[in-house]
């Protein structure tokens, strides 16, 4: 979801990384799901991209009654 939000804003990975004080490789790792963003990082990125933190994650809901 991060990649989509970044591209909507017309930013490269490097441009986003520079704005949020992370490395380009960290942005790539988050986009390719090698690492999951912690909430403080997601907050900074969301603020920079003008979206909600929830917009940066894929959400999978499980019905507890189906367990």
C-alpha atoms as a PDB file:
ATOM      1  CA  UNK A   1       0.000   0.000   0.000  1.00  0.00           C
ATOM      2  CA  UNK A   2       2.922   2.308   0.650  1.00  0.00           C
ATOM      3  CA  UNK A   3       4.059   2.064  -2.984  1.00  0.00           C
ATOM      4  CA  UNK A   4       0.614   3.089  -4.225  1.00  0.00           C
ATOM      5  CA  UNK A   5       0.422   6.094  -1.884  1.00  0.00           C
ATOM      6  CA  UNK A   6       3.969   7.156  -2.825  1.00  0.00           C
ATOM      7  CA  UNK A   7       3.281   6.903  -6.543  1.00  0.00           C
ATOM      8  CA  UNK A   8       0.014   8.848  -6.154  1.00  0.00           C
ATOM      9  CA  UNK A   9       2.138  11.705  -4.821  1.00  0.00           C
ATOM     10  CA  UNK A  10       4.599  11.376  -7.703  1.00  0.00           C
ATOM     11  CA  UNK A  11       7.561  10.618  -5.442  1.00  0.00           C
ATOM     12  CA  UNK A  12      10.478   8.276  -5.976  1.00  0.00           C
ATOM     13  CA  UNK A  13      11.644   6.054  -3.164  1.00  0.00           C
ATOM     14  CA  UNK A  14      14.644   8.338  -2.723  1.00  0.00           C
ATOM     15  CA  UNK A  15      12.506  11.479  -2.529  1.00  0.00           C
ATOM     16  CA  UNK A  16      10.273   9.938   0.121  1.00  0.00           C
ATOM     17  CA  UNK A  17      13.279   8.625   2.016  1.00  0.00           C
ATOM     18  CA  UNK A  18      14.856  12.097   2.038  1.00  0.00           C
ATOM     19  CA  UNK A  19      11.650  13.681   3.338  1.00  0.00           C
ATOM     20  CA  UNK A  20      11.198  11.196   6.184  1.00  0.00           C
ATOM     21  CA  UNK A  21      14.901  10.810   7.008  1.00  0.00           C
ATOM     22  CA  UNK A  22      15.109   7.113   6.146  1.00  0.00           C
ATOM     23  CA  UNK A  23      17.228   5.309   3.592  1.00  0.00           C
ATOM     24  CA  UNK A  24      15.929   4.374   0.157  1.00  0.00           C
ATOM     25  CA  UNK A  25      16.522   0.727   1.059  1.00  0.00           C
ATOM     26  CA  UNK A  26      14.244   1.055   4.106  1.00  0.00           C
ATOM     27  CA  UNK A  27      11.453   2.435   1.927  1.00  0.00           C
ATOM     28  CA  UNK A  28      12.022  -0.432  -0.509  1.00  0.00           C
ATOM     29  CA  UNK A  29      11.943  -2.961   2.348  1.00  0.00           C
ATOM     30  CA  UNK A  30       8.608  -1.602   3.568  1.00  0.00           C
ATOM     31  CA  UNK A  31       7.128  -1.532   0.069  1.00  0.00           C
ATOM     32  CA  UNK A  32       8.217  -5.094  -0.649  1.00  0.00           C
ATOM     33  CA  UNK A  33       7.009  -6.322   2.751  1.00  0.00           C
ATOM     34  CA  UNK A  34      10.447  -7.441   3.891  1.00  0.00           C
ATOM     35  CA  UNK A  35       9.829  -5.439   7.068  1.00  0.00           C
ATOM     36  CA  UNK A  36       6.683  -4.078   8.680  1.00  0.00           C
ATOM     37  CA  UNK A  37       6.659  -0.390   9.561  1.00  0.00           C
ATOM     38  CA  UNK A  38       6.390   0.404  13.215  1.00  0.00           C
ATOM     39  CA  UNK A  39       3.661   2.893  14.084  1.00  0.00           C
ATOM     40  CA  UNK A  40       5.960   5.916  14.677  1.00  0.00           C
ATOM     41  CA  UNK A  41       7.560   5.424  11.240  1.00  0.00           C
ATOM     42  CA  UNK A  42       4.167   4.919   9.612  1.00  0.00           C
ATOM     43  CA  UNK A  43       2.924   8.139  11.244  1.00  0.00           C
ATOM     44  CA  UNK A  44       5.775  10.187   9.767  1.00  0.00           C
ATOM     45  CA  UNK A  45       5.313   8.615   6.343  1.00  0.00           C
ATOM     46  CA  UNK A  46       1.524   9.066   6.455  1.00  0.00           C
ATOM     47  CA  UNK A  47       1.905  12.724   7.421  1.00  0.00           C
ATOM     48  CA  UNK A  48       4.395  13.230   4.602  1.00  0.00           C
ATOM     49  CA  UNK A  49       2.145  11.542   2.040  1.00  0.00           C
ATOM     50  CA  UNK A  50      -1.021  13.213   3.322  1.00  0.00           C
ATOM     51  CA  UNK A  51      -2.819   9.985   4.131  1.00  0.00           C
ATOM     52  CA  UNK A  52      -3.849   7.977   7.178  1.00  0.00           C
ATOM     53  CA  UNK A  53      -1.643   5.357   8.793  1.00  0.00           C
ATOM     54  CA  UNK A  54      -4.317   2.800   7.921  1.00  0.00           C
ATOM     55  CA  UNK A  55      -3.756   3.583   4.232  1.00  0.00           C
ATOM     56  CA  UNK A  56      -0.195   2.243   4.430  1.00  0.00           C
ATOM     57  CA  UNK A  57      -1.034  -1.287   5.565  1.00  0.00           C
ATOM     58  CA  UNK A  58      -2.941  -4.209   4.102  1.00  0.00           C
ATOM     59  CA  UNK A  59      -5.595  -5.284   6.545  1.00  0.00           C
ATOM     60  CA  UNK A  60      -6.813  -8.852   6.795  1.00  0.00           C
ATOM     61  CA  UNK A  61      -9.759  -9.401   9.064  1.00  0.00           C
ATOM     62  CA  UNK A  62     -10.589 -12.762  10.548  1.00  0.00           C
ATOM     63  CA  UNK A  63     -13.977 -13.633  11.859  1.00  0.00           C
ATOM     64  CA  UNK A  64     -13.357 -15.099  15.341  1.00  0.00           C
ATOM     65  CA  UNK A  65     -16.414 -17.316  14.900  1.00  0.00           C
ATOM     66  CA  UNK A  66     -14.706 -19.094  11.970  1.00  0.00           C
ATOM     67  CA  UNK A  67     -11.700 -20.223  14.008  1.00  0.00           C
END
